[in-house]
Amino acid sequence: MAGVQPPPLRSLDDFLLCSARFAVPDVRDLDRWNNRIINNLLYYQSNYLVSALGLLLLVGYFQPFQLLVGAMVVTLIFLGFVWVAENQAPVRRFRRNHPSISVFAILLASYFFISVLGDVAVFLFGIAFPIMMVLVHASVRLRSLKNKLENKLESIGLKRTPMGLLLEALGQEQEAGS
């Protein structure tokens, strides 16, 4: 974790308001869609973190214990998945070839364990909803030429950001801006 630095918080105008452009992704071109998601996750990662934390704090205010249990379950399942993927070649190939299915499997396994423990609604609104909102925004957000240029200039250090490390753990080692 040495040398990991968060990128700057992007302006609300750029992230969500007037200058932001949105479009439904072309689901027939999965590589381009995946590239758009990864680039947006890397570029707006500070904004996504602040948004997700806001939703988590809101849910945590009303259901703190259940949210803590849900967060622990998701974290343990994610860490278990990363550990298995690092030690088992077939799982590592699956993670690299099917990152969306890997994330869905982690969330489904978390849902299963939390449903056994109870408090499924807290999981859905406190953990899965922020993740879903981040992925939807990253899927539909088009970037301007200025943002693409800034991303090219920053891409050298994007691997040393929290989102870069998370994407690497999920098997998405491709460079931003490609």
N, C-alpha and C. Protein backbone atom coordinates (compact mmCIF):
# COMPACT_ATOMS: atom_id res chain seq x y z
N MET A 1 0.82 -1.20 0.00
CA MET A 1 0.00 0.00 0.00
C MET A 1 0.86 1.26 0.00
N ALA A 2 2.18 1.08 0.00
CA ALA A 2 3.06 2.25 -0.03
C ALA A 2 2.95 2.94 -1.38
N GLY A 3 2.83 4.23 -1.34
CA GLY A 3 2.75 5.00 -2.57
C GLY A 3 1.36 5.11 -3.16
N VAL A 4 0.35 4.59 -2.49
CA VAL A 4 -1.02 4.69 -2.99
C VAL A 4 -1.55 6.08 -2.65
N GLN A 5 -2.01 6.78 -3.69
CA GLN A 5 -2.53 8.12 -3.50
C GLN A 5 -3.88 8.25 -4.17
N PRO A 6 -4.84 8.86 -3.48
CA PRO A 6 -6.15 9.07 -4.11
C PRO A 6 -6.07 10.19 -5.14
N PRO A 7 -6.77 10.04 -6.26
CA PRO A 7 -6.79 11.11 -7.26
C PRO A 7 -7.66 12.27 -6.78
N PRO A 8 -7.64 13.39 -7.46
CA PRO A 8 -8.44 14.54 -7.02
C PRO A 8 -9.94 14.29 -7.18
N LEU A 9 -10.70 14.99 -6.36
CA LEU A 9 -12.15 14.96 -6.46
C LEU A 9 -12.54 15.80 -7.68
N ARG A 10 -13.30 15.22 -8.58
CA ARG A 10 -13.72 15.93 -9.80
C ARG A 10 -14.89 16.84 -9.48
N SER A 11 -15.06 17.89 -10.26
CA SER A 11 -16.13 18.86 -9.98
C SER A 11 -17.50 18.22 -10.17
N LEU A 12 -18.47 18.72 -9.43
CA LEU A 12 -19.84 18.21 -9.55
C LEU A 12 -20.39 18.46 -10.94
N ASP A 13 -19.98 19.57 -11.55
CA ASP A 13 -20.40 19.88 -12.92
C ASP A 13 -19.90 18.82 -13.89
N ASP A 14 -18.66 18.41 -13.74
CA ASP A 14 -18.08 17.39 -14.60
C ASP A 14 -18.65 16.01 -14.29
N PHE A 15 -18.88 15.73 -13.03
CA PHE A 15 -19.31 14.40 -12.60
C PHE A 15 -20.78 14.12 -12.90
N LEU A 16 -21.64 15.12 -12.71
CA LEU A 16 -23.07 14.85 -12.74
C LEU A 16 -23.91 15.89 -13.46
N LEU A 17 -23.50 17.14 -13.45
CA LEU A 17 -24.40 18.21 -13.88
C LEU A 17 -24.24 18.59 -15.35
N CYS A 18 -24.22 19.85 -15.64
CA CYS A 18 -24.34 20.41 -16.99
C CYS A 18 -23.37 19.87 -18.01
N SER A 19 -22.08 19.86 -17.71
CA SER A 19 -21.12 19.46 -18.73
C SER A 19 -21.04 17.93 -18.87
N ALA A 20 -21.68 17.20 -17.97
CA ALA A 20 -21.66 15.74 -18.05
C ALA A 20 -22.54 15.25 -19.19
N ARG A 21 -22.01 14.31 -19.95
CA ARG A 21 -22.79 13.70 -21.02
C ARG A 21 -22.99 12.23 -20.71
N PHE A 22 -24.20 11.75 -20.94
CA PHE A 22 -24.53 10.36 -20.66
C PHE A 22 -25.12 9.72 -21.90
N ALA A 23 -24.87 8.43 -22.09
CA ALA A 23 -25.44 7.68 -23.19
C ALA A 23 -25.46 6.21 -22.81
N VAL A 24 -26.45 5.50 -23.29
CA VAL A 24 -26.55 4.07 -23.05
C VAL A 24 -25.40 3.39 -23.80
N PRO A 25 -24.67 2.50 -23.13
CA PRO A 25 -23.54 1.85 -23.80
C PRO A 25 -24.02 0.85 -24.85
N ASP A 26 -23.17 0.60 -25.83
CA ASP A 26 -23.45 -0.39 -26.86
C ASP A 26 -23.13 -1.77 -26.28
N VAL A 27 -24.17 -2.51 -25.93
CA VAL A 27 -23.97 -3.81 -25.27
C VAL A 27 -23.43 -4.87 -26.23
N ARG A 28 -23.42 -4.57 -27.52
CA ARG A 28 -22.87 -5.52 -28.49
C ARG A 28 -21.35 -5.46 -28.53
N ASP A 29 -20.77 -4.35 -28.10
CA ASP A 29 -19.32 -4.20 -28.07
C ASP A 29 -18.86 -4.22 -26.61
N LEU A 30 -18.70 -5.43 -26.06
CA LEU A 30 -18.39 -5.58 -24.64
C LEU A 30 -17.01 -5.04 -24.28
N ASP A 31 -16.05 -5.13 -25.19
CA ASP A 31 -14.71 -4.60 -24.89
C ASP A 31 -14.74 -3.09 -24.73
N ARG A 32 -15.47 -2.42 -25.60
CA ARG A 32 -15.56 -0.96 -25.51
C ARG A 32 -16.30 -0.54 -24.24
N TRP A 33 -17.38 -1.26 -23.91
CA TRP A 33 -18.15 -0.98 -22.71
C TRP A 33 -17.29 -1.19 -21.47
N ASN A 34 -16.55 -2.30 -21.43
CA ASN A 34 -15.66 -2.59 -20.31
C ASN A 34 -14.58 -1.50 -20.19
N ASN A 35 -14.05 -1.05 -21.32
CA ASN A 35 -13.05 0.01 -21.31
C ASN A 35 -13.63 1.31 -20.76
N ARG A 36 -14.87 1.63 -21.15
CA ARG A 36 -15.53 2.84 -20.64
C ARG A 36 -15.70 2.76 -19.13
N ILE A 37 -16.15 1.60 -18.63
CA ILE A 37 -16.36 1.44 -17.19
C ILE A 37 -15.04 1.59 -16.44
N ILE A 38 -14.00 0.91 -16.90
CA ILE A 38 -12.71 0.97 -16.21
C ILE A 38 -12.15 2.39 -16.21
N ASN A 39 -12.22 3.06 -17.35
CA ASN A 39 -11.71 4.44 -17.41
C ASN A 39 -12.49 5.37 -16.49
N ASN A 40 -13.81 5.23 -16.46
CA ASN A 40 -14.62 6.08 -15.57
C ASN A 40 -14.36 5.73 -14.11
N LEU A 41 -14.22 4.44 -13.79
CA LEU A 41 -13.92 4.06 -12.41
C LEU A 41 -12.59 4.65 -11.95
N LEU A 42 -11.62 4.65 -12.83
CA LEU A 42 -10.32 5.23 -12.46
C LEU A 42 -10.37 6.75 -12.38
N TYR A 43 -11.03 7.39 -13.34
CA TYR A 43 -11.05 8.85 -13.40
C TYR A 43 -11.90 9.47 -12.29
N TYR A 44 -13.06 8.89 -12.01
CA TYR A 44 -13.98 9.46 -11.02
C TYR A 44 -13.95 8.72 -9.68
N GLN A 45 -12.89 7.98 -9.40
CA GLN A 45 -12.89 7.13 -8.21
C GLN A 45 -13.09 7.89 -6.92
N SER A 46 -12.58 9.09 -6.78
CA SER A 46 -12.80 9.86 -5.55
C SER A 46 -14.27 10.26 -5.43
N ASN A 47 -14.89 10.64 -6.54
CA ASN A 47 -16.31 10.98 -6.52
C ASN A 47 -17.16 9.76 -6.16
N TYR A 48 -16.80 8.60 -6.71
CA TYR A 48 -17.54 7.38 -6.41
C TYR A 48 -17.39 7.00 -4.94
N LEU A 49 -16.20 7.18 -4.40
CA LEU A 49 -15.97 6.87 -2.99
C LEU A 49 -16.81 7.77 -2.10
N VAL A 50 -16.84 9.06 -2.39
CA VAL A 50 -17.63 10.00 -1.59
C VAL A 50 -19.12 9.66 -1.70
N SER A 51 -19.60 9.36 -2.91
CA SER A 51 -21.02 9.01 -3.10
C SER A 51 -21.39 7.73 -2.35
N ALA A 52 -20.56 6.71 -2.48
CA ALA A 52 -20.83 5.43 -1.81
C ALA A 52 -20.78 5.59 -0.29
N LEU A 53 -19.81 6.35 0.19
CA LEU A 53 -19.74 6.58 1.64
C LEU A 53 -20.96 7.34 2.16
N GLY A 54 -21.45 8.29 1.36
CA GLY A 54 -22.67 9.01 1.75
C GLY A 54 -23.86 8.07 1.89
N LEU A 55 -24.02 7.16 0.93
CA LEU A 55 -25.12 6.19 1.02
C LEU A 55 -24.90 5.22 2.18
N LEU A 56 -23.65 4.79 2.37
CA LEU A 56 -23.36 3.89 3.49
C LEU A 56 -23.64 4.56 4.84
N LEU A 57 -23.26 5.82 4.96
CA LEU A 57 -23.51 6.53 6.22
C LEU A 57 -24.99 6.71 6.47
N LEU A 58 -25.75 6.95 5.41
CA LEU A 58 -27.19 7.09 5.56
C LEU A 58 -27.82 5.79 6.05
N VAL A 59 -27.46 4.68 5.42
CA VAL A 59 -28.00 3.39 5.86
C VAL A 59 -27.45 3.03 7.23
N GLY A 60 -26.15 3.31 7.46
CA GLY A 60 -25.54 3.01 8.74
C GLY A 60 -26.14 3.80 9.90
N TYR A 61 -26.67 4.96 9.61
CA TYR A 61 -27.32 5.75 10.65
C TYR A 61 -28.58 5.05 11.16
N PHE A 62 -29.32 4.43 10.24
CA PHE A 62 -30.58 3.78 10.60
C PHE A 62 -30.39 2.33 11.04
N GLN A 63 -29.41 1.62 10.48
CA GLN A 63 -29.19 0.20 10.80
C GLN A 63 -27.70 -0.08 10.96
N PRO A 64 -27.06 0.45 11.99
CA PRO A 64 -25.59 0.34 12.07
C PRO A 64 -25.08 -1.10 12.23
N PHE A 65 -25.69 -1.89 13.08
CA PHE A 65 -25.19 -3.25 13.31
C PHE A 65 -25.34 -4.11 12.07
N GLN A 66 -26.51 -4.03 11.43
CA GLN A 66 -26.75 -4.84 10.25
C GLN A 66 -25.81 -4.44 9.11
N LEU A 67 -25.54 -3.15 8.98
CA LEU A 67 -24.62 -2.70 7.95
C LEU A 67 -23.20 -3.20 8.24
N LEU A 68 -22.80 -3.18 9.48
CA LEU A 68 -21.48 -3.68 9.85
C LEU A 68 -21.35 -5.16 9.54
N VAL A 69 -22.37 -5.94 9.86
CA VAL A 69 -22.35 -7.37 9.54
C VAL A 69 -22.26 -7.57 8.03
N GLY A 70 -23.06 -6.82 7.28
CA GLY A 70 -23.03 -6.93 5.82
C GLY A 70 -21.68 -6.56 5.24
N ALA A 71 -21.09 -5.48 5.75
CA ALA A 71 -19.79 -5.04 5.25
C ALA A 71 -18.71 -6.07 5.57
N MET A 72 -18.77 -6.67 6.75
CA MET A 72 -17.79 -7.69 7.10
C MET A 72 -17.93 -8.91 6.20
N VAL A 73 -19.16 -9.34 5.93
CA VAL A 73 -19.38 -10.50 5.07
C VAL A 73 -18.85 -10.23 3.66
N VAL A 74 -19.20 -9.08 3.08
CA VAL A 74 -18.74 -8.76 1.73
C VAL A 74 -17.22 -8.67 1.69
N THR A 75 -16.61 -8.05 2.67
CA THR A 75 -15.16 -7.91 2.72
C THR A 75 -14.49 -9.27 2.82
N LEU A 76 -14.98 -10.14 3.69
CA LEU A 76 -14.38 -11.46 3.84
C LEU A 76 -14.55 -12.30 2.57
N ILE A 77 -15.70 -12.23 1.94
CA ILE A 77 -15.91 -12.99 0.70
C ILE A 77 -15.02 -12.44 -0.40
N PHE A 78 -14.89 -11.12 -0.51
CA PHE A 78 -14.02 -10.52 -1.53
C PHE A 78 -12.57 -10.93 -1.29
N LEU A 79 -12.09 -10.82 -0.06
CA LEU A 79 -10.72 -11.21 0.23
C LEU A 79 -10.49 -12.70 -0.02
N GLY A 80 -11.48 -13.52 0.31
CA GLY A 80 -11.39 -14.96 0.03
C GLY A 80 -11.31 -15.22 -1.46
N PHE A 81 -12.11 -14.50 -2.23
CA PHE A 81 -12.08 -14.66 -3.69
C PHE A 81 -10.73 -14.26 -4.26
N VAL A 82 -10.19 -13.14 -3.81
CA VAL A 82 -8.88 -12.68 -4.29
C VAL A 82 -7.80 -13.68 -3.90
N TRP A 83 -7.85 -14.22 -2.68
CA TRP A 83 -6.85 -15.19 -2.23
C TRP A 83 -6.93 -16.46 -3.07
N VAL A 84 -8.14 -16.97 -3.31
CA VAL A 84 -8.31 -18.17 -4.13
C VAL A 84 -7.83 -17.91 -5.55
N ALA A 85 -8.16 -16.74 -6.11
CA ALA A 85 -7.75 -16.41 -7.47
C ALA A 85 -6.24 -16.31 -7.60
N GLU A 86 -5.57 -15.86 -6.56
CA GLU A 86 -4.12 -15.76 -6.61
C GLU A 86 -3.45 -17.12 -6.47
N ASN A 87 -4.13 -18.08 -5.86
CA ASN A 87 -3.53 -19.39 -5.61
C ASN A 87 -4.03 -20.49 -6.53
N GLN A 88 -5.07 -20.25 -7.29
CA GLN A 88 -5.63 -21.26 -8.19
C GLN A 88 -5.69 -20.70 -9.60
N ALA A 89 -4.94 -21.29 -10.51
CA ALA A 89 -4.87 -20.78 -11.89
C ALA A 89 -6.22 -20.76 -12.60
N PRO A 90 -7.08 -21.78 -12.48
CA PRO A 90 -8.38 -21.71 -13.18
C PRO A 90 -9.25 -20.54 -12.70
N VAL A 91 -9.22 -20.27 -11.40
CA VAL A 91 -10.01 -19.16 -10.86
C VAL A 91 -9.41 -17.84 -11.33
N ARG A 92 -8.09 -17.77 -11.39
CA ARG A 92 -7.42 -16.55 -11.86
C ARG A 92 -7.78 -16.27 -13.32
N ARG A 93 -7.81 -17.32 -14.18
CA ARG A 93 -8.21 -17.13 -15.58
C ARG A 93 -9.66 -16.70 -15.67
N PHE A 94 -10.53 -17.31 -14.86
CA PHE A 94 -11.94 -16.94 -14.87
C PHE A 94 -12.12 -15.49 -14.46
N ARG A 95 -11.41 -15.08 -13.43
CA ARG A 95 -11.49 -13.70 -12.94
C ARG A 95 -11.04 -12.72 -14.02
N ARG A 96 -10.00 -13.04 -14.74
CA ARG A 96 -9.48 -12.16 -15.79
C ARG A 96 -10.41 -12.13 -17.00
N ASN A 97 -10.99 -13.28 -17.36
CA ASN A 97 -11.84 -13.36 -18.55
C ASN A 97 -13.28 -12.91 -18.30
N HIS A 98 -13.76 -13.00 -17.06
CA HIS A 98 -15.14 -12.67 -16.75
C HIS A 98 -15.22 -11.81 -15.48
N PRO A 99 -14.74 -10.56 -15.54
CA PRO A 99 -14.74 -9.73 -14.32
C PRO A 99 -16.14 -9.39 -13.84
N SER A 100 -17.10 -9.19 -14.75
CA SER A 100 -18.46 -8.86 -14.33
C SER A 100 -19.10 -10.02 -13.59
N ILE A 101 -18.89 -11.21 -14.10
CA ILE A 101 -19.45 -12.40 -13.43
C ILE A 101 -18.78 -12.60 -12.08
N SER A 102 -17.49 -12.28 -11.98
CA SER A 102 -16.78 -12.41 -10.71
C SER A 102 -17.37 -11.47 -9.65
N VAL A 103 -17.62 -10.22 -10.03
CA VAL A 103 -18.23 -9.26 -9.09
C VAL A 103 -19.63 -9.73 -8.72
N PHE A 104 -20.39 -10.18 -9.70
CA PHE A 104 -21.75 -10.67 -9.44
C PHE A 104 -21.70 -11.88 -8.50
N ALA A 105 -20.74 -12.78 -8.69
CA ALA A 105 -20.62 -13.96 -7.82
C ALA A 105 -20.29 -13.55 -6.38
N ILE A 106 -19.42 -12.55 -6.24
CA ILE A 106 -19.09 -12.06 -4.89
C ILE A 106 -20.33 -11.49 -4.22
N LEU A 107 -21.09 -10.66 -4.95
CA LEU A 107 -22.30 -10.08 -4.38
C LEU A 107 -23.36 -11.14 -4.10
N LEU A 108 -23.49 -12.14 -4.99
CA LEU A 108 -24.47 -13.21 -4.78
C LEU A 108 -24.10 -14.05 -3.56
N ALA A 109 -22.82 -14.38 -3.42
CA ALA A 109 -22.38 -15.14 -2.25
C ALA A 109 -22.60 -14.33 -0.98
N SER A 110 -22.32 -13.03 -1.04
CA SER A 110 -22.57 -12.15 0.11
C SER A 110 -24.05 -12.14 0.46
N TYR A 111 -24.88 -12.02 -0.55
CA TYR A 111 -26.33 -12.01 -0.35
C TYR A 111 -26.78 -13.30 0.32
N PHE A 112 -26.25 -14.44 -0.15
CA PHE A 112 -26.62 -15.73 0.41
C PHE A 112 -26.26 -15.81 1.89
N PHE A 113 -25.02 -15.44 2.23
CA PHE A 113 -24.60 -15.52 3.62
C PHE A 113 -25.37 -14.53 4.50
N ILE A 114 -25.64 -13.37 3.98
CA ILE A 114 -26.38 -12.39 4.78
C ILE A 114 -27.84 -12.80 4.92
N SER A 115 -28.40 -13.46 3.90
CA SER A 115 -29.79 -13.93 4.04
C SER A 115 -29.88 -15.01 5.11
N VAL A 116 -28.82 -15.81 5.23
CA VAL A 116 -28.77 -16.80 6.30
C VAL A 116 -28.67 -16.09 7.64
N LEU A 117 -27.89 -15.01 7.68
CA LEU A 117 -27.74 -14.25 8.91
C LEU A 117 -28.89 -13.28 9.15
N GLY A 118 -29.69 -13.01 8.13
CA GLY A 118 -30.77 -12.04 8.23
C GLY A 118 -30.33 -10.68 7.71
N ASP A 119 -31.24 -9.73 7.72
CA ASP A 119 -30.94 -8.35 7.33
C ASP A 119 -30.54 -8.19 5.87
N VAL A 120 -31.28 -8.83 4.97
CA VAL A 120 -31.01 -8.74 3.54
C VAL A 120 -31.25 -7.33 3.02
N ALA A 121 -32.29 -6.68 3.51
CA ALA A 121 -32.62 -5.33 3.03
C ALA A 121 -31.49 -4.35 3.32
N VAL A 122 -30.86 -4.48 4.46
CA VAL A 122 -29.75 -3.60 4.80
C VAL A 122 -28.59 -3.83 3.83
N PHE A 123 -28.35 -5.09 3.49
CA PHE A 123 -27.30 -5.39 2.51
C PHE A 123 -27.62 -4.76 1.17
N LEU A 124 -28.87 -4.93 0.72
CA LEU A 124 -29.24 -4.41 -0.60
C LEU A 124 -29.09 -2.90 -0.68
N PHE A 125 -29.54 -2.19 0.33
CA PHE A 125 -29.49 -0.74 0.28
C PHE A 125 -28.17 -0.15 0.77
N GLY A 126 -27.50 -0.84 1.65
CA GLY A 126 -26.27 -0.29 2.21
C GLY A 126 -25.01 -0.64 1.45
N ILE A 127 -25.01 -1.79 0.79
CA ILE A 127 -23.79 -2.22 0.12
C ILE A 127 -24.00 -2.39 -1.38
N ALA A 128 -25.02 -3.15 -1.77
CA ALA A 128 -25.23 -3.42 -3.19
C ALA A 128 -25.70 -2.18 -3.95
N PHE A 129 -26.54 -1.35 -3.35
CA PHE A 129 -27.06 -0.16 -4.04
C PHE A 129 -25.94 0.83 -4.39
N PRO A 130 -25.03 1.16 -3.47
CA PRO A 130 -23.93 2.05 -3.86
C PRO A 130 -23.06 1.46 -4.97
N ILE A 131 -22.79 0.16 -4.91
CA ILE A 131 -21.99 -0.48 -5.97
C ILE A 131 -22.73 -0.40 -7.29
N MET A 132 -24.04 -0.66 -7.27
CA MET A 132 -24.83 -0.59 -8.49
C MET A 132 -24.85 0.83 -9.05
N MET A 133 -25.00 1.83 -8.19
CA MET A 133 -25.03 3.22 -8.66
C MET A 133 -23.68 3.60 -9.30
N VAL A 134 -22.58 3.18 -8.72
CA VAL A 134 -21.26 3.47 -9.28
C VAL A 134 -21.12 2.81 -10.65
N LEU A 135 -21.50 1.54 -10.76
CA LEU A 135 -21.37 0.83 -12.03
C LEU A 135 -22.30 1.39 -13.11
N VAL A 136 -23.51 1.82 -12.73
CA VAL A 136 -24.41 2.42 -13.72
C VAL A 136 -23.83 3.74 -14.21
N HIS A 137 -23.35 4.59 -13.30
CA HIS A 137 -22.75 5.86 -13.71
C HIS A 137 -21.54 5.63 -14.61
N ALA A 138 -20.67 4.70 -14.21
CA ALA A 138 -19.48 4.42 -15.01
C ALA A 138 -19.84 3.85 -16.38
N SER A 139 -20.98 3.19 -16.48
CA SER A 139 -21.41 2.61 -17.76
C SER A 139 -21.97 3.65 -18.71
N VAL A 140 -22.68 4.64 -18.18
CA VAL A 140 -23.38 5.58 -19.06
C VAL A 140 -22.68 6.93 -19.20
N ARG A 141 -21.66 7.20 -18.42
CA ARG A 141 -20.98 8.50 -18.47
C ARG A 141 -20.03 8.56 -19.64
N LEU A 142 -20.26 9.49 -20.55
CA LEU A 142 -19.35 9.75 -21.65
C LEU A 142 -18.35 10.79 -21.20
N ARG A 143 -17.14 10.68 -21.66
CA ARG A 143 -16.10 11.61 -21.25
C ARG A 143 -15.85 12.62 -22.34
N SER A 144 -15.54 13.83 -21.95
CA SER A 144 -15.21 14.87 -22.91
C SER A 144 -13.76 14.71 -23.34
N LEU A 145 -13.38 15.41 -24.38
CA LEU A 145 -12.01 15.35 -24.87
C LEU A 145 -11.03 15.84 -23.79
N LYS A 146 -11.44 16.86 -23.03
CA LYS A 146 -10.60 17.39 -21.96
C LYS A 146 -10.35 16.31 -20.90
N ASN A 147 -11.41 15.58 -20.51
CA ASN A 147 -11.26 14.53 -19.51
C ASN A 147 -10.37 13.40 -20.02
N LYS A 148 -10.51 13.07 -21.31
CA LYS A 148 -9.67 12.02 -21.88
C LYS A 148 -8.21 12.42 -21.88
N LEU A 149 -7.94 13.69 -22.19
CA LEU A 149 -6.57 14.18 -22.18
C LEU A 149 -6.00 14.15 -20.77
N GLU A 150 -6.79 14.61 -19.78
CA GLU A 150 -6.34 14.57 -18.39
C GLU A 150 -6.07 13.13 -17.97
N ASN A 151 -6.93 12.20 -18.39
CA ASN A 151 -6.78 10.80 -18.04
C ASN A 151 -5.50 10.23 -18.64
N LYS A 152 -5.17 10.61 -19.87
CA LYS A 152 -3.92 10.15 -20.49
C LYS A 152 -2.72 10.64 -19.69
N LEU A 153 -2.77 11.89 -19.24
CA LEU A 153 -1.66 12.44 -18.47
C LEU A 153 -1.51 11.78 -17.11
N GLU A 154 -2.66 11.37 -16.51
CA GLU A 154 -2.64 10.75 -15.19
C GLU A 154 -2.44 9.25 -15.24
N SER A 155 -2.58 8.64 -16.42
CA SER A 155 -2.63 7.18 -16.51
C SER A 155 -1.36 6.50 -16.02
N ILE A 156 -0.27 7.20 -16.01
CA ILE A 156 0.98 6.60 -15.55
C ILE A 156 0.85 6.19 -14.08
N GLY A 157 0.19 7.01 -13.27
CA GLY A 157 0.08 6.72 -11.85
C GLY A 157 -1.23 6.10 -11.42
N LEU A 158 -2.13 5.77 -12.35
CA LEU A 158 -3.44 5.27 -11.96
C LEU A 158 -3.40 3.90 -11.30
N LYS A 159 -2.38 3.12 -11.55
CA LYS A 159 -2.29 1.81 -10.92
C LYS A 159 -2.04 1.94 -9.42
N ARG A 160 -1.51 3.05 -8.98
CA ARG A 160 -1.19 3.24 -7.57
C ARG A 160 -2.28 4.02 -6.85
N THR A 161 -3.51 3.91 -7.33
CA THR A 161 -4.64 4.51 -6.64
C THR A 161 -5.48 3.38 -6.05
N PRO A 162 -6.36 3.69 -5.10
CA PRO A 162 -7.20 2.63 -4.53
C PRO A 162 -8.01 1.87 -5.58
N MET A 163 -8.62 2.58 -6.54
CA MET A 163 -9.41 1.90 -7.57
C MET A 163 -8.51 1.08 -8.48
N GLY A 164 -7.32 1.57 -8.79
CA GLY A 164 -6.39 0.81 -9.60
C GLY A 164 -6.02 -0.51 -8.94
N LEU A 165 -5.80 -0.47 -7.64
CA LEU A 165 -5.48 -1.70 -6.90
C LEU A 165 -6.68 -2.64 -6.83
N LEU A 166 -7.89 -2.09 -6.66
CA LEU A 166 -9.10 -2.91 -6.63
C LEU A 166 -9.33 -3.58 -7.98
N LEU A 167 -9.18 -2.81 -9.06
CA LEU A 167 -9.35 -3.38 -10.40
C LEU A 167 -8.29 -4.44 -10.67
N GLU A 168 -7.09 -4.22 -10.20
CA GLU A 168 -6.04 -5.21 -10.35
C GLU A 168 -6.39 -6.49 -9.59
N ALA A 169 -6.96 -6.36 -8.39
CA ALA A 169 -7.37 -7.52 -7.61
C ALA A 169 -8.48 -8.30 -8.31
N LEU A 170 -9.29 -7.59 -9.10
CA LEU A 170 -10.36 -8.24 -9.85
C LEU A 170 -9.90 -8.74 -11.22
N GLY A 171 -8.59 -8.58 -11.51
CA GLY A 171 -8.05 -9.10 -12.75
C GLY A 171 -8.15 -8.16 -13.92
N GLN A 172 -8.35 -6.88 -13.68
CA GLN A 172 -8.44 -5.90 -14.75
C GLN A 172 -7.17 -5.07 -14.79
N GLU A 173 -6.12 -5.63 -15.39
CA GLU A 173 -4.83 -4.97 -15.41
C GLU A 173 -4.65 -4.01 -16.57
N GLN A 174 -5.66 -3.83 -17.40
CA GLN A 174 -5.46 -2.98 -18.58
C GLN A 174 -5.27 -1.52 -18.17
N GLU A 175 -4.54 -0.80 -18.99
CA GLU A 175 -4.25 0.60 -18.72
C GLU A 175 -5.45 1.46 -19.03
N ALA A 176 -5.60 2.54 -18.31
CA ALA A 176 -6.66 3.50 -18.58
C ALA A 176 -6.35 4.22 -19.88
N GLY A 177 -7.42 4.65 -20.55
CA GLY A 177 -7.28 5.44 -21.75
C GLY A 177 -7.03 4.64 -23.00
N SER A 178 -7.03 3.32 -22.92
CA SER A 178 -6.81 2.51 -24.12
C SER A 178 -8.04 2.36 -24.94
